[in-house]
């Protein structure tokens, strides 16, 4: 058990040092703000020819309910038999 406690204490100390460092950087260090420019080559600004997308089969829109042919009502199923008791 002492080895486990020693390991946990070392992990806790490392975590505390890491958190203290993050706190210090977040609260006491001011970043240097400056303007930045990036030169983009003209070749990258020219549009490239792209092949048109492949044709996709589109289903026709659904017809209104009045336009659909009348379908017969489904036949009613006979009532289900109750299961047999397990104690028979």
PDB file of N, CA and C in Angstrom:
ATOM      1  N   UNK A   1       0.798  -1.207   0.000  1.00  0.00           N
ATOM      2  CA  UNK A   1       0.000   0.000   0.000  1.00  0.00           C
ATOM      3  C   UNK A   1       0.844   1.277   0.000  1.00  0.00           C
ATOM      4  N   UNK A   2       1.965   1.294   0.687  1.00  0.00           N
ATOM      5  CA  UNK A   2       2.737   2.539   0.677  1.00  0.00           C
ATOM      6  C   UNK A   2       3.163   2.938  -0.739  1.00  0.00           C
ATOM      7  N   UNK A   3       3.406   1.973  -1.625  1.00  0.00           N
ATOM      8  CA  UNK A   3       3.820   2.290  -2.984  1.00  0.00           C
ATOM      9  C   UNK A   3       2.686   2.976  -3.729  1.00  0.00           C
ATOM     10  N   UNK A   4       1.455   2.515  -3.521  1.00  0.00           N
ATOM     11  CA  UNK A   4       0.297   3.118  -4.163  1.00  0.00           C
ATOM     12  C   UNK A   4       0.123   4.559  -3.687  1.00  0.00           C
ATOM     13  N   UNK A   5       0.238   4.772  -2.383  1.00  0.00           N
ATOM     14  CA  UNK A   5       0.092   6.131  -1.847  1.00  0.00           C
ATOM     15  C   UNK A   5       1.196   7.045  -2.376  1.00  0.00           C
ATOM     16  N   UNK A   6       2.399   6.558  -2.468  1.00  0.00           N
ATOM     17  CA  UNK A   6       3.504   7.352  -2.991  1.00  0.00           C
ATOM     18  C   UNK A   6       3.239   7.721  -4.452  1.00  0.00           C
ATOM     19  N   UNK A   7       2.747   6.768  -5.231  1.00  0.00           N
ATOM     20  CA  UNK A   7       2.417   7.012  -6.635  1.00  0.00           C
ATOM     21  C   UNK A   7       1.322   8.072  -6.755  1.00  0.00           C
ATOM     22  N   UNK A   8       0.283   7.955  -5.942  1.00  0.00           N
ATOM     23  CA  UNK A   8      -0.811   8.931  -5.996  1.00  0.00           C
ATOM     24  C   UNK A   8      -0.344  10.316  -5.568  1.00  0.00           C
ATOM     25  N   UNK A   9       0.543  10.393  -4.576  1.00  0.00           N
ATOM     26  CA  UNK A   9       1.071  11.689  -4.135  1.00  0.00           C
ATOM     27  C   UNK A   9       1.898  12.326  -5.249  1.00  0.00           C
ATOM     28  N   UNK A  10       2.694  11.527  -5.958  1.00  0.00           N
ATOM     29  CA  UNK A  10       3.490  12.057  -7.062  1.00  0.00           C
ATOM     30  C   UNK A  10       2.573  12.556  -8.177  1.00  0.00           C
ATOM     31  N   UNK A  11       1.524  11.811  -8.509  1.00  0.00           N
ATOM     32  CA  UNK A  11       0.570  12.252  -9.522  1.00  0.00           C
ATOM     33  C   UNK A  11      -0.138  13.537  -9.100  1.00  0.00           C
ATOM     34  N   UNK A  12      -0.529  13.612  -7.856  1.00  0.00           N
ATOM     35  CA  UNK A  12      -1.182  14.825  -7.343  1.00  0.00           C
ATOM     36  C   UNK A  12      -0.244  16.022  -7.416  1.00  0.00           C
ATOM     37  N   UNK A  13       1.016  15.832  -7.072  1.00  0.00           N
ATOM     38  CA  UNK A  13       1.986  16.931  -7.126  1.00  0.00           C
ATOM     39  C   UNK A  13       2.187  17.398  -8.570  1.00  0.00           C
ATOM     40  N   UNK A  14       2.309  16.461  -9.505  1.00  0.00           N
ATOM     41  CA  UNK A  14       2.461  16.841 -10.912  1.00  0.00           C
ATOM     42  C   UNK A  14       1.227  17.572 -11.428  1.00  0.00           C
ATOM     43  N   UNK A  15       0.050  17.124 -11.034  1.00  0.00           N
ATOM     44  CA  UNK A  15      -1.180  17.787 -11.452  1.00  0.00           C
ATOM     45  C   UNK A  15      -1.240  19.196 -10.870  1.00  0.00           C
ATOM     46  N   UNK A  16      -0.842  19.358  -9.609  1.00  0.00           N
ATOM     47  CA  UNK A  16      -0.861  20.684  -8.981  1.00  0.00           C
ATOM     48  C   UNK A  16       0.114  21.623  -9.673  1.00  0.00           C
ATOM     49  N   UNK A  17       1.295  21.123 -10.033  1.00  0.00           N
ATOM     50  CA  UNK A  17       2.273  21.953 -10.740  1.00  0.00           C
ATOM     51  C   UNK A  17       1.732  22.367 -12.104  1.00  0.00           C
ATOM     52  N   UNK A  18       1.113  21.444 -12.799  1.00  0.00           N
ATOM     53  CA  UNK A  18       0.528  21.746 -14.105  1.00  0.00           C
ATOM     54  C   UNK A  18      -0.590  22.775 -14.004  1.00  0.00           C
ATOM     55  N   UNK A  19      -1.471  22.618 -13.025  1.00  0.00           N
ATOM     56  CA  UNK A  19      -2.561  23.578 -12.848  1.00  0.00           C
ATOM     57  C   UNK A  19      -2.030  24.946 -12.434  1.00  0.00           C
ATOM     58  N   UNK A  20      -1.028  24.974 -11.590  1.00  0.00           N
ATOM     59  CA  UNK A  20      -0.444  26.256 -11.187  1.00  0.00           C
ATOM     60  C   UNK A  20       0.201  26.946 -12.387  1.00  0.00           C
ATOM     61  N   UNK A  21       0.869  26.204 -13.240  1.00  0.00           N
ATOM     62  CA  UNK A  21       1.469  26.778 -14.448  1.00  0.00           C
ATOM     63  C   UNK A  21       0.417  27.335 -15.390  1.00  0.00           C
ATOM     64  N   UNK A  22      -0.689  26.607 -15.581  1.00  0.00           N
ATOM     65  CA  UNK A  22      -1.762  27.102 -16.444  1.00  0.00           C
ATOM     66  C   UNK A  22      -2.390  28.371 -15.857  1.00  0.00           C
ATOM     67  N   UNK A  23      -2.587  28.392 -14.537  1.00  0.00           N
ATOM     68  CA  UNK A  23      -3.160  29.568 -13.889  1.00  0.00           C
ATOM     69  C   UNK A  23      -2.247  30.778 -14.083  1.00  0.00           C
ATOM     70  N   UNK A  24      -0.954  30.584 -13.896  1.00  0.00           N
ATOM     71  CA  UNK A  24       0.008  31.674 -14.060  1.00  0.00           C
ATOM     72  C   UNK A  24      -0.012  32.202 -15.494  1.00  0.00           C
ATOM     73  N   UNK A  25       0.033  31.297 -16.480  1.00  0.00           N
ATOM     74  CA  UNK A  25       0.033  31.722 -17.877  1.00  0.00           C
ATOM     75  C   UNK A  25      -1.264  32.438 -18.250  1.00  0.00           C
ATOM     76  N   UNK A  26      -2.379  31.988 -17.716  1.00  0.00           N
ATOM     77  CA  UNK A  26      -3.665  32.584 -18.067  1.00  0.00           C
ATOM     78  C   UNK A  26      -3.857  33.951 -17.434  1.00  0.00           C
ATOM     79  N   UNK A  27      -3.291  34.183 -16.264  1.00  0.00           N
ATOM     80  CA  UNK A  27      -3.593  35.414 -15.540  1.00  0.00           C
ATOM     81  C   UNK A  27      -2.474  36.450 -15.537  1.00  0.00           C
ATOM     82  N   UNK A  28      -1.241  36.057 -15.749  1.00  0.00           N
ATOM     83  CA  UNK A  28      -0.144  37.001 -15.587  1.00  0.00           C
ATOM     84  C   UNK A  28       0.661  37.259 -16.854  1.00  0.00           C
ATOM     85  N   UNK A  29       0.434  36.523 -17.912  1.00  0.00           N
ATOM     86  CA  UNK A  29       1.187  36.725 -19.150  1.00  0.00           C
ATOM     87  C   UNK A  29       0.257  37.369 -20.180  1.00  0.00           C
ATOM     88  N   UNK A  30       0.687  38.483 -20.760  1.00  0.00           N
ATOM     89  CA  UNK A  30      -0.088  39.167 -21.795  1.00  0.00           C
ATOM     90  C   UNK A  30       0.459  38.769 -23.163  1.00  0.00           C
ATOM     91  N   UNK A  31      -0.409  38.351 -24.079  1.00  0.00           N
ATOM     92  CA  UNK A  31       0.080  37.987 -25.413  1.00  0.00           C
ATOM     93  C   UNK A  31       0.436  39.230 -26.221  1.00  0.00           C
ATOM     94  N   UNK A  32       1.381  39.095 -27.129  1.00  0.00           N
ATOM     95  CA  UNK A  32       1.781  40.189 -28.005  1.00  0.00           C
ATOM     96  C   UNK A  32       0.883  40.150 -29.237  1.00  0.00           C
ATOM     97  N   UNK A  33       0.106  41.213 -29.444  1.00  0.00           N
ATOM     98  CA  UNK A  33      -0.792  41.283 -30.587  1.00  0.00           C
ATOM     99  C   UNK A  33      -0.062  41.983 -31.722  1.00  0.00           C
ATOM    100  N   UNK A  34      -0.068  41.383 -32.899  1.00  0.00           N
ATOM    101  CA  UNK A  34       0.572  42.000 -34.050  1.00  0.00           C
ATOM    102  C   UNK A  34      -0.179  41.591 -35.312  1.00  0.00           C
ATOM    103  N   UNK A  35      -0.003  42.390 -36.348  1.00  0.00           N
ATOM    104  CA  UNK A  35      -0.665  42.123 -37.607  1.00  0.00           C
ATOM    105  C   UNK A  35       0.127  41.092 -38.384  1.00  0.00           C
ATOM    106  N   UNK A  36      -0.602  40.256 -39.127  1.00  0.00           N
ATOM    107  CA  UNK A  36       0.054  39.205 -39.880  1.00  0.00           C
ATOM    108  C   UNK A  36      -0.465  39.230 -41.316  1.00  0.00           C
ATOM    109  N   UNK A  37       0.414  39.114 -42.281  1.00  0.00           N
ATOM    110  CA  UNK A  37       0.020  39.031 -43.685  1.00  0.00           C
ATOM    111  C   UNK A  37       0.596  37.765 -44.286  1.00  0.00           C
ATOM    112  N   UNK A  38      -0.197  37.166 -45.154  1.00  0.00           N
ATOM    113  CA  UNK A  38       0.220  35.937 -45.826  1.00  0.00           C
ATOM    114  C   UNK A  38       0.048  36.159 -47.320  1.00  0.00           C
ATOM    115  N   UNK A  39       1.095  35.920 -48.085  1.00  0.00           N
ATOM    116  CA  UNK A  39       1.013  36.065 -49.533  1.00  0.00           C
ATOM    117  C   UNK A  39       0.479  34.768 -50.128  1.00  0.00           C
ATOM    118  N   UNK A  40      -0.600  34.912 -50.915  1.00  0.00           N
ATOM    119  CA  UNK A  40      -1.211  33.758 -51.555  1.00  0.00           C
ATOM    120  C   UNK A  40      -0.837  33.797 -53.026  1.00  0.00           C
ATOM    121  N   UNK A  41      -0.263  32.720 -53.563  1.00  0.00           N
ATOM    122  CA  UNK A  41       0.089  32.707 -54.981  1.00  0.00           C
ATOM    123  C   UNK A  41      -1.163  32.882 -55.854  1.00  0.00           C
ATOM    124  N   UNK A  42      -1.011  33.565 -56.982  1.00  0.00           N
ATOM    125  CA  UNK A  42      -2.143  33.823 -57.873  1.00  0.00           C
ATOM    126  C   UNK A  42      -2.733  32.535 -58.423  1.00  0.00           C
ATOM    127  N   UNK A  43      -1.912  31.508 -58.584  1.00  0.00           N
ATOM    128  CA  UNK A  43      -2.406  30.238 -59.121  1.00  0.00           C
ATOM    129  C   UNK A  43      -3.455  29.617 -58.204  1.00  0.00           C
ATOM    130  N   UNK A  44      -3.364  29.881 -56.926  1.00  0.00           N
ATOM    131  CA  UNK A  44      -4.338  29.311 -55.990  1.00  0.00           C
ATOM    132  C   UNK A  44      -5.653  30.063 -56.019  1.00  0.00           C
ATOM    133  N   UNK A  45      -5.659  31.261 -56.592  1.00  0.00           N
ATOM    134  CA  UNK A  45      -6.878  32.058 -56.653  1.00  0.00           C
ATOM    135  C   UNK A  45      -7.699  31.767 -57.900  1.00  0.00           C
ATOM    136  N   UNK A  46      -7.098  31.114 -58.905  1.00  0.00           N
ATOM    137  CA  UNK A  46      -7.817  30.799 -60.131  1.00  0.00           C
ATOM    138  C   UNK A  46      -8.759  29.626 -59.880  1.00  0.00           C
ATOM    139  N   UNK A  47     -10.020  29.719 -60.364  1.00  0.00           N
ATOM    140  CA  UNK A  47     -10.952  28.601 -60.162  1.00  0.00           C
ATOM    141  C   UNK A  47     -10.522  27.386 -60.982  1.00  0.00           C
ATOM    142  N   UNK A  48     -10.712  26.236 -60.443  1.00  0.00           N
ATOM    143  CA  UNK A  48     -10.362  25.001 -61.132  1.00  0.00           C
ATOM    144  C   UNK A  48     -11.614  24.425 -61.779  1.00  0.00           C
ATOM    145  N   UNK A  49     -11.455  23.762 -62.938  1.00  0.00           N
ATOM    146  CA  UNK A  49     -12.573  23.097 -63.584  1.00  0.00           C
ATOM    147  C   UNK A  49     -12.877  21.824 -62.805  1.00  0.00           C
ATOM    148  N   UNK A  50     -14.137  21.676 -62.468  1.00  0.00           N
ATOM    149  CA  UNK A  50     -14.567  20.512 -61.707  1.00  0.00           C
ATOM    150  C   UNK A  50     -15.607  19.782 -62.540  1.00  0.00           C
ATOM    151  N   UNK A  51     -15.507  18.470 -62.588  1.00  0.00           N
ATOM    152  CA  UNK A  51     -16.474  17.674 -63.336  1.00  0.00           C
ATOM    153  C   UNK A  51     -17.846  17.801 -62.681  1.00  0.00           C
ATOM    154  N   UNK A  52     -18.914  17.835 -63.474  1.00  0.00           N
ATOM    155  CA  UNK A  52     -20.248  17.938 -62.869  1.00  0.00           C
ATOM    156  C   UNK A  52     -20.551  16.674 -62.083  1.00  0.00           C
ATOM    157  N   UNK A  53     -21.402  16.770 -61.097  1.00  0.00           N
ATOM    158  CA  UNK A  53     -21.720  15.580 -60.298  1.00  0.00           C
ATOM    159  C   UNK A  53     -22.446  14.536 -61.133  1.00  0.00           C
ATOM    160  N   UNK A  54     -22.323  13.291 -60.741  1.00  0.00           N
ATOM    161  CA  UNK A  54     -22.972  12.192 -61.459  1.00  0.00           C
ATOM    162  C   UNK A  54     -24.489  12.352 -61.345  1.00  0.00           C
ATOM    163  N   UNK A  55     -25.189  11.892 -62.359  1.00  0.00           N
ATOM    164  CA  UNK A  55     -26.654  11.989 -62.351  1.00  0.00           C
ATOM    165  C   UNK A  55     -27.209  11.112 -61.245  1.00  0.00           C
ATOM    166  N   UNK A  56     -28.160  11.652 -60.532  1.00  0.00           N
ATOM    167  CA  UNK A  56     -28.772  10.925 -59.431  1.00  0.00           C
ATOM    168  C   UNK A  56     -30.228  10.698 -59.783  1.00  0.00           C
ATOM    169  N   UNK A  57     -30.678   9.455 -59.650  1.00  0.00           N
ATOM    170  CA  UNK A  57     -32.077   9.152 -59.932  1.00  0.00           C
ATOM    171  C   UNK A  57     -32.940   9.735 -58.831  1.00  0.00           C
ATOM    172  N   UNK A  58     -33.932  10.532 -59.223  1.00  0.00           N
ATOM    173  CA  UNK A  58     -34.820  11.165 -58.257  1.00  0.00           C
ATOM    174  C   UNK A  58     -36.201  10.565 -58.424  1.00  0.00           C
ATOM    175  N   UNK A  59     -36.794  10.121 -57.334  1.00  0.00           N
ATOM    176  CA  UNK A  59     -38.136   9.563 -57.389  1.00  0.00           C
ATOM    177  C   UNK A  59     -39.137  10.695 -57.573  1.00  0.00           C
ATOM    178  N   UNK A  60     -40.202  10.449 -58.330  1.00  0.00           N
ATOM    179  CA  UNK A  60     -41.208  11.500 -58.493  1.00  0.00           C
ATOM    180  C   UNK A  60     -41.884  11.795 -57.163  1.00  0.00           C
ATOM    181  N   UNK A  61     -42.405  12.987 -57.050  1.00  0.00           N
ATOM    182  CA  UNK A  61     -43.074  13.386 -55.816  1.00  0.00           C
ATOM    183  C   UNK A  61     -44.299  12.507 -55.599  1.00  0.00           C
ATOM    184  N   UNK A  62     -44.662  12.306 -54.361  1.00  0.00           N
ATOM    185  CA  UNK A  62     -45.810  11.470 -54.024  1.00  0.00           C
ATOM    186  C   UNK A  62     -47.089  12.130 -54.531  1.00  0.00           C
ATOM    187  N   UNK A  63     -47.971  11.318 -55.079  1.00  0.00           N
ATOM    188  CA  UNK A  63     -49.243  11.825 -55.593  1.00  0.00           C
ATOM    189  C   UNK A  63     -50.188  12.104 -54.430  1.00  0.00           C
ATOM    190  N   UNK A  64     -51.129  13.040 -54.592  1.00  0.00           N
ATOM    191  CA  UNK A  64     -52.099  13.287 -53.521  1.00  0.00           C
ATOM    192  C   UNK A  64     -52.946  12.047 -53.265  1.00  0.00           C
ATOM    193  N   UNK A  65     -53.543  11.974 -52.097  1.00  0.00           N
ATOM    194  CA  UNK A  65     -54.311  10.796 -51.693  1.00  0.00           C
ATOM    195  C   UNK A  65     -55.491  10.542 -52.617  1.00  0.00           C
ATOM    196  N   UNK A  66     -56.107  11.604 -53.171  1.00  0.00           N
ATOM    197  CA  UNK A  66     -57.270  11.396 -54.039  1.00  0.00           C
ATOM    198  C   UNK A  66     -56.866  10.721 -55.354  1.00  0.00           C
ATOM    199  N   UNK A  67     -55.618  10.921 -55.802  1.00  0.00           N
ATOM    200  CA  UNK A  67     -55.193  10.385 -57.086  1.00  0.00           C
ATOM    201  C   UNK A  67     -54.786   8.917 -56.994  1.00  0.00           C
ATOM    202  N   UNK A  68     -54.566   8.412 -55.801  1.00  0.00           N
ATOM    203  CA  UNK A  68     -54.144   7.026 -55.639  1.00  0.00           C
ATOM    204  C   UNK A  68     -55.346   6.101 -55.796  1.00  0.00           C
ATOM    205  N   UNK A  69     -55.145   4.908 -56.399  1.00  0.00           N
ATOM    206  CA  UNK A  69     -56.271   3.974 -56.507  1.00  0.00           C
ATOM    207  C   UNK A  69     -56.644   3.445 -55.124  1.00  0.00           C
ATOM    208  N   UNK A  70     -57.918   3.148 -54.968  1.00  0.00           N
ATOM    209  CA  UNK A  70     -58.412   2.636 -53.680  1.00  0.00           C
ATOM    210  C   UNK A  70     -57.846   1.245 -53.451  1.00  0.00           C
ATOM    211  N   UNK A  71     -57.372   0.997 -52.245  1.00  0.00           N
ATOM    212  CA  UNK A  71     -56.831  -0.310 -51.896  1.00  0.00           C
ATOM    213  C   UNK A  71     -57.814  -0.986 -50.951  1.00  0.00           C
ATOM    214  N   UNK A  72     -57.978  -2.293 -51.098  1.00  0.00           N
ATOM    215  CA  UNK A  72     -58.908  -2.984 -50.195  1.00  0.00           C
ATOM    216  C   UNK A  72     -58.355  -2.978 -48.774  1.00  0.00           C
ATOM    217  N   UNK A  73     -59.279  -2.939 -47.827  1.00  0.00           N
ATOM    218  CA  UNK A  73     -58.883  -2.942 -46.418  1.00  0.00           C
ATOM    219  C   UNK A  73     -58.271  -4.299 -46.086  1.00  0.00           C
ATOM    220  N   UNK A  74     -57.230  -4.333 -45.242  1.00  0.00           N
ATOM    221  CA  UNK A  74     -56.628  -5.629 -44.888  1.00  0.00           C
ATOM    222  C   UNK A  74     -57.611  -6.463 -44.071  1.00  0.00           C
ATOM    223  N   UNK A  75     -57.574  -7.768 -44.307  1.00  0.00           N
ATOM    224  CA  UNK A  75     -58.449  -8.678 -43.563  1.00  0.00           C
ATOM    225  C   UNK A  75     -58.005  -8.732 -42.111  1.00  0.00           C
ATOM    226  N   UNK A  76     -58.998  -8.809 -41.228  1.00  0.00           N
ATOM    227  CA  UNK A  76     -58.669  -8.862 -39.802  1.00  0.00           C
ATOM    228  C   UNK A  76     -58.172 -10.254 -39.448  1.00  0.00           C
ATOM    229  N   UNK A  77     -57.149 -10.299 -38.624  1.00  0.00           N
ATOM    230  CA  UNK A  77     -56.596 -11.576 -38.177  1.00  0.00           C
ATOM    231  C   UNK A  77     -57.466 -12.126 -37.059  1.00  0.00           C
ATOM    232  N   UNK A  78     -57.577 -13.457 -36.975  1.00  0.00           N
ATOM    233  CA  UNK A  78     -58.372 -14.031 -35.867  1.00  0.00           C
ATOM    234  C   UNK A  78     -57.688 -13.730 -34.535  1.00  0.00           C
ATOM    235  N   UNK A  79     -58.446 -13.642 -33.471  1.00  0.00           N
ATOM    236  CA  UNK A  79     -57.840 -13.333 -32.168  1.00  0.00           C
ATOM    237  C   UNK A  79     -56.830 -14.416 -31.781  1.00  0.00           C
ATOM    238  N   UNK A  80     -55.769 -13.991 -31.148  1.00  0.00           N
ATOM    239  CA  UNK A  80     -54.711 -14.914 -30.759  1.00  0.00           C
ATOM    240  C   UNK A  80     -55.160 -15.744 -29.569  1.00  0.00           C
ATOM    241  N   UNK A  81     -54.702 -17.000 -29.543  1.00  0.00           N
ATOM    242  CA  UNK A  81     -55.040 -17.876 -28.428  1.00  0.00           C
ATOM    243  C   UNK A  81     -54.181 -17.500 -27.233  1.00  0.00           C
ATOM    244  N   UNK A  82     -54.710 -17.561 -26.037  1.00  0.00           N
ATOM    245  CA  UNK A  82     -53.884 -17.252 -24.856  1.00  0.00           C
ATOM    246  C   UNK A  82     -52.819 -18.337 -24.682  1.00  0.00           C
ATOM    247  N   UNK A  83     -51.656 -17.996 -24.152  1.00  0.00           N
ATOM    248  CA  UNK A  83     -50.602 -19.007 -23.971  1.00  0.00           C
ATOM    249  C   UNK A  83     -51.019 -20.046 -22.926  1.00  0.00           C
ATOM    250  N   UNK A  84     -50.472 -21.237 -23.098  1.00  0.00           N
ATOM    251  CA  UNK A  84     -50.761 -22.306 -22.136  1.00  0.00           C
ATOM    252  C   UNK A  84     -50.035 -22.046 -20.844  1.00  0.00           C
ATOM    253  N   UNK A  85     -50.631 -22.390 -19.710  1.00  0.00           N
ATOM    254  CA  UNK A  85     -49.920 -22.239 -18.431  1.00  0.00           C
ATOM    255  C   UNK A  85     -48.727 -23.209 -18.367  1.00  0.00           C
ATOM    256  N   UNK A  86     -47.681 -22.796 -17.659  1.00  0.00           N
ATOM    257  CA  UNK A  86     -46.485 -23.608 -17.565  1.00  0.00           C
ATOM    258  C   UNK A  86     -46.599 -24.751 -16.569  1.00  0.00           C
ATOM    259  N   UNK A  87     -47.582 -24.720 -15.691  1.00  0.00           N
ATOM    260  CA  UNK A  87     -47.674 -25.720 -14.615  1.00  0.00           C
ATOM    261  C   UNK A  87     -48.399 -26.975 -15.046  1.00  0.00           C
ATOM    262  N   UNK A  88     -48.884 -27.115 -16.251  1.00  0.00           N
ATOM    263  CA  UNK A  88     -49.623 -28.320 -16.676  1.00  0.00           C
ATOM    264  C   UNK A  88     -48.738 -29.483 -16.836  1.00  0.00           C
TER     265      UNK A  88
END
